[in-house]
C-alpha cells in the first residue's frame, strides 16, 4: 500500500505542477492578444498612411501639371508682350 500511496503523492505533485502552469498560460495568452491587437492597429495605421500618401502623390502630380500649364501660359504671354513692344 505504501507503493500506491507514494504514487498517489507523486501524482498529486504532478497535478499541482500542471495547475501552476495555468496562470502562466493565461498570462501568455493575454500578452499574445495584446501583441495581436497592436499588430492589427499598426496594420490599420499603415493602410491609412499609404492611402494618404497615394492621395498626396495624386495632388502633387496635379499641381505639377497645373504649374507646367501656367509656365507655358506665362511663356506665351512673355512672347506676346515682346511682340507687342516691337
C-alpha atoms as a PDB file:
ATOM      1  CA  UNK A   1       0.000   0.000   0.000  1.00  0.00           C
ATOM      2  CA  UNK A   2       2.909   2.340   0.627  1.00  0.00           C
ATOM      3  CA  UNK A   3       3.831   1.989  -3.014  1.00  0.00           C
ATOM      4  CA  UNK A   4       0.368   3.111  -4.069  1.00  0.00           C
ATOM      5  CA  UNK A   5       0.391   5.914  -1.553  1.00  0.00           C
ATOM      6  CA  UNK A   6       3.739   7.114  -2.866  1.00  0.00           C
ATOM      7  CA  UNK A   7       2.392   7.036  -6.433  1.00  0.00           C
ATOM      8  CA  UNK A   8      -0.640   8.982  -5.298  1.00  0.00           C
ATOM      9  CA  UNK A   9       1.562  11.617  -3.660  1.00  0.00           C
ATOM     10  CA  UNK A  10       3.695  11.834  -6.796  1.00  0.00           C
ATOM     11  CA  UNK A  11       0.575  12.174  -8.920  1.00  0.00           C
ATOM     12  CA  UNK A  12      -0.667  14.903  -6.608  1.00  0.00           C
ATOM     13  CA  UNK A  13       2.606  16.826  -7.034  1.00  0.00           C
ATOM     14  CA  UNK A  14       2.386  16.499 -10.805  1.00  0.00           C
ATOM     15  CA  UNK A  15      -1.198  17.739 -10.691  1.00  0.00           C
ATOM     16  CA  UNK A  16      -0.106  20.779  -8.651  1.00  0.00           C
ATOM     17  CA  UNK A  17       2.679  21.471 -11.153  1.00  0.00           C
ATOM     18  CA  UNK A  18       0.166  21.319 -14.000  1.00  0.00           C
ATOM     19  CA  UNK A  19      -2.162  23.672 -12.144  1.00  0.00           C
ATOM     20  CA  UNK A  20       0.751  26.048 -11.585  1.00  0.00           C
ATOM     21  CA  UNK A  21       1.065  26.427 -15.359  1.00  0.00           C
ATOM     22  CA  UNK A  22      -2.488  27.763 -15.764  1.00  0.00           C
ATOM     23  CA  UNK A  23      -1.687  31.353 -14.676  1.00  0.00           C
ATOM     24  CA  UNK A  24       1.399  31.342 -16.902  1.00  0.00           C
ATOM     25  CA  UNK A  25      -0.662  30.131 -19.852  1.00  0.00           C
ATOM     26  CA  UNK A  26      -3.296  32.801 -19.216  1.00  0.00           C
ATOM     27  CA  UNK A  27      -0.599  35.471 -18.955  1.00  0.00           C
ATOM     28  CA  UNK A  28       0.998  34.300 -22.205  1.00  0.00           C
ATOM     29  CA  UNK A  29      -2.404  34.327 -23.931  1.00  0.00           C
ATOM     30  CA  UNK A  30      -3.060  37.834 -22.645  1.00  0.00           C
ATOM     31  CA  UNK A  31       0.303  39.026 -23.944  1.00  0.00           C
ATOM     32  CA  UNK A  32      -0.361  37.331 -27.272  1.00  0.00           C
ATOM     33  CA  UNK A  33      -3.759  39.015 -27.613  1.00  0.00           C
ATOM     34  CA  UNK A  34      -2.213  42.376 -26.741  1.00  0.00           C
ATOM     35  CA  UNK A  35       0.512  41.958 -29.339  1.00  0.00           C
ATOM     36  CA  UNK A  36      -2.024  40.776 -31.906  1.00  0.00           C
ATOM     37  CA  UNK A  37      -4.222  43.825 -31.259  1.00  0.00           C
ATOM     38  CA  UNK A  38      -1.182  46.092 -31.573  1.00  0.00           C
ATOM     39  CA  UNK A  39      -0.252  44.415 -34.839  1.00  0.00           C
ATOM     40  CA  UNK A  40      -3.753  44.900 -36.226  1.00  0.00           C
ATOM     41  CA  UNK A  41      -3.751  48.527 -35.105  1.00  0.00           C
ATOM     42  CA  UNK A  42      -0.389  49.148 -36.774  1.00  0.00           C
ATOM     43  CA  UNK A  43      -1.552  47.433 -39.959  1.00  0.00           C
ATOM     44  CA  UNK A  44      -4.603  49.690 -39.995  1.00  0.00           C
ATOM     45  CA  UNK A  45      -2.445  52.777 -39.474  1.00  0.00           C
ATOM     46  CA  UNK A  46      -0.088  51.689 -42.250  1.00  0.00           C
ATOM     47  CA  UNK A  47      -3.003  51.216 -44.644  1.00  0.00           C
ATOM     48  CA  UNK A  48      -4.365  54.660 -43.751  1.00  0.00           C
ATOM     49  CA  UNK A  49      -0.968  56.277 -44.239  1.00  0.00           C
ATOM     50  CA  UNK A  50      -0.479  54.528 -47.578  1.00  0.00           C
ATOM     51  CA  UNK A  51      -3.851  55.865 -48.730  1.00  0.00           C
ATOM     52  CA  UNK A  52      -2.857  59.366 -47.621  1.00  0.00           C
ATOM     53  CA  UNK A  53       0.482  59.050 -49.416  1.00  0.00           C
ATOM     54  CA  UNK A  54      -1.310  57.962 -52.584  1.00  0.00           C
ATOM     55  CA  UNK A  55      -3.748  60.885 -52.326  1.00  0.00           C
ATOM     56  CA  UNK A  56      -0.924  63.357 -51.760  1.00  0.00           C
ATOM     57  CA  UNK A  57       1.014  61.905 -54.694  1.00  0.00           C
ATOM     58  CA  UNK A  58      -2.004  62.449 -56.951  1.00  0.00           C
ATOM     59  CA  UNK A  59      -2.352  66.021 -55.650  1.00  0.00           C
ATOM     60  CA  UNK A  60       1.342  66.621 -56.295  1.00  0.00           C
ATOM     61  CA  UNK A  61       1.054  65.345 -59.867  1.00  0.00           C
ATOM     62  CA  UNK A  62      -1.994  67.551 -60.493  1.00  0.00           C
ATOM     63  CA  UNK A  63      -0.190  70.571 -59.052  1.00  0.00           C
ATOM     64  CA  UNK A  64       2.893  69.885 -61.179  1.00  0.00           C
ATOM     65  CA  UNK A  65       0.712  69.604 -64.285  1.00  0.00           C
ATOM     66  CA  UNK A  66      -1.079  72.838 -63.412  1.00  0.00           C
ATOM     67  CA  UNK A  67       2.257  74.523 -62.767  1.00  0.00           C
ATOM     68  CA  UNK A  68       3.545  73.361 -66.148  1.00  0.00           C
ATOM     69  CA  UNK A  69       0.421  74.764 -67.837  1.00  0.00           C
ATOM     70  CA  UNK A  70       0.848  78.078 -66.045  1.00  0.00           C
ATOM     71  CA  UNK A  71       4.508  78.161 -67.020  1.00  0.00           C
ATOM     72  CA  UNK A  72       3.534  77.627 -70.645  1.00  0.00           C
ATOM     73  CA  UNK A  73       0.940  80.408 -70.451  1.00  0.00           C
ATOM     74  CA  UNK A  74       3.458  82.718 -68.811  1.00  0.00           C
ATOM     75  CA  UNK A  75       5.925  81.926 -71.527  1.00  0.00           C
ATOM     76  CA  UNK A  76       3.325  82.630 -74.234  1.00  0.00           C
ATOM     77  CA  UNK A  77       2.359  85.878 -72.523  1.00  0.00           C
ATOM     78  CA  UNK A  78       6.003  86.911 -72.364  1.00  0.00           C
ATOM     79  CA  UNK A  79       6.367  86.237 -76.116  1.00  0.00           C
ATOM     80  CA  UNK A  80       3.193  88.202 -76.863  1.00  0.00           C
ATOM     81  CA  UNK A  81       4.407  91.018 -74.675  1.00  0.00           C
ATOM     82  CA  UNK A  82       7.734  91.076 -76.530  1.00  0.00           C
ATOM     83  CA  UNK A  83       5.901  91.094 -79.884  1.00  0.00           C
ATOM     84  CA  UNK A  84       3.693  93.958 -78.785  1.00  0.00           C
ATOM     85  CA  UNK A  85       6.729  96.026 -77.782  1.00  0.00           C
ATOM     86  CA  UNK A  86       8.337  95.570 -81.173  1.00  0.00           C
END
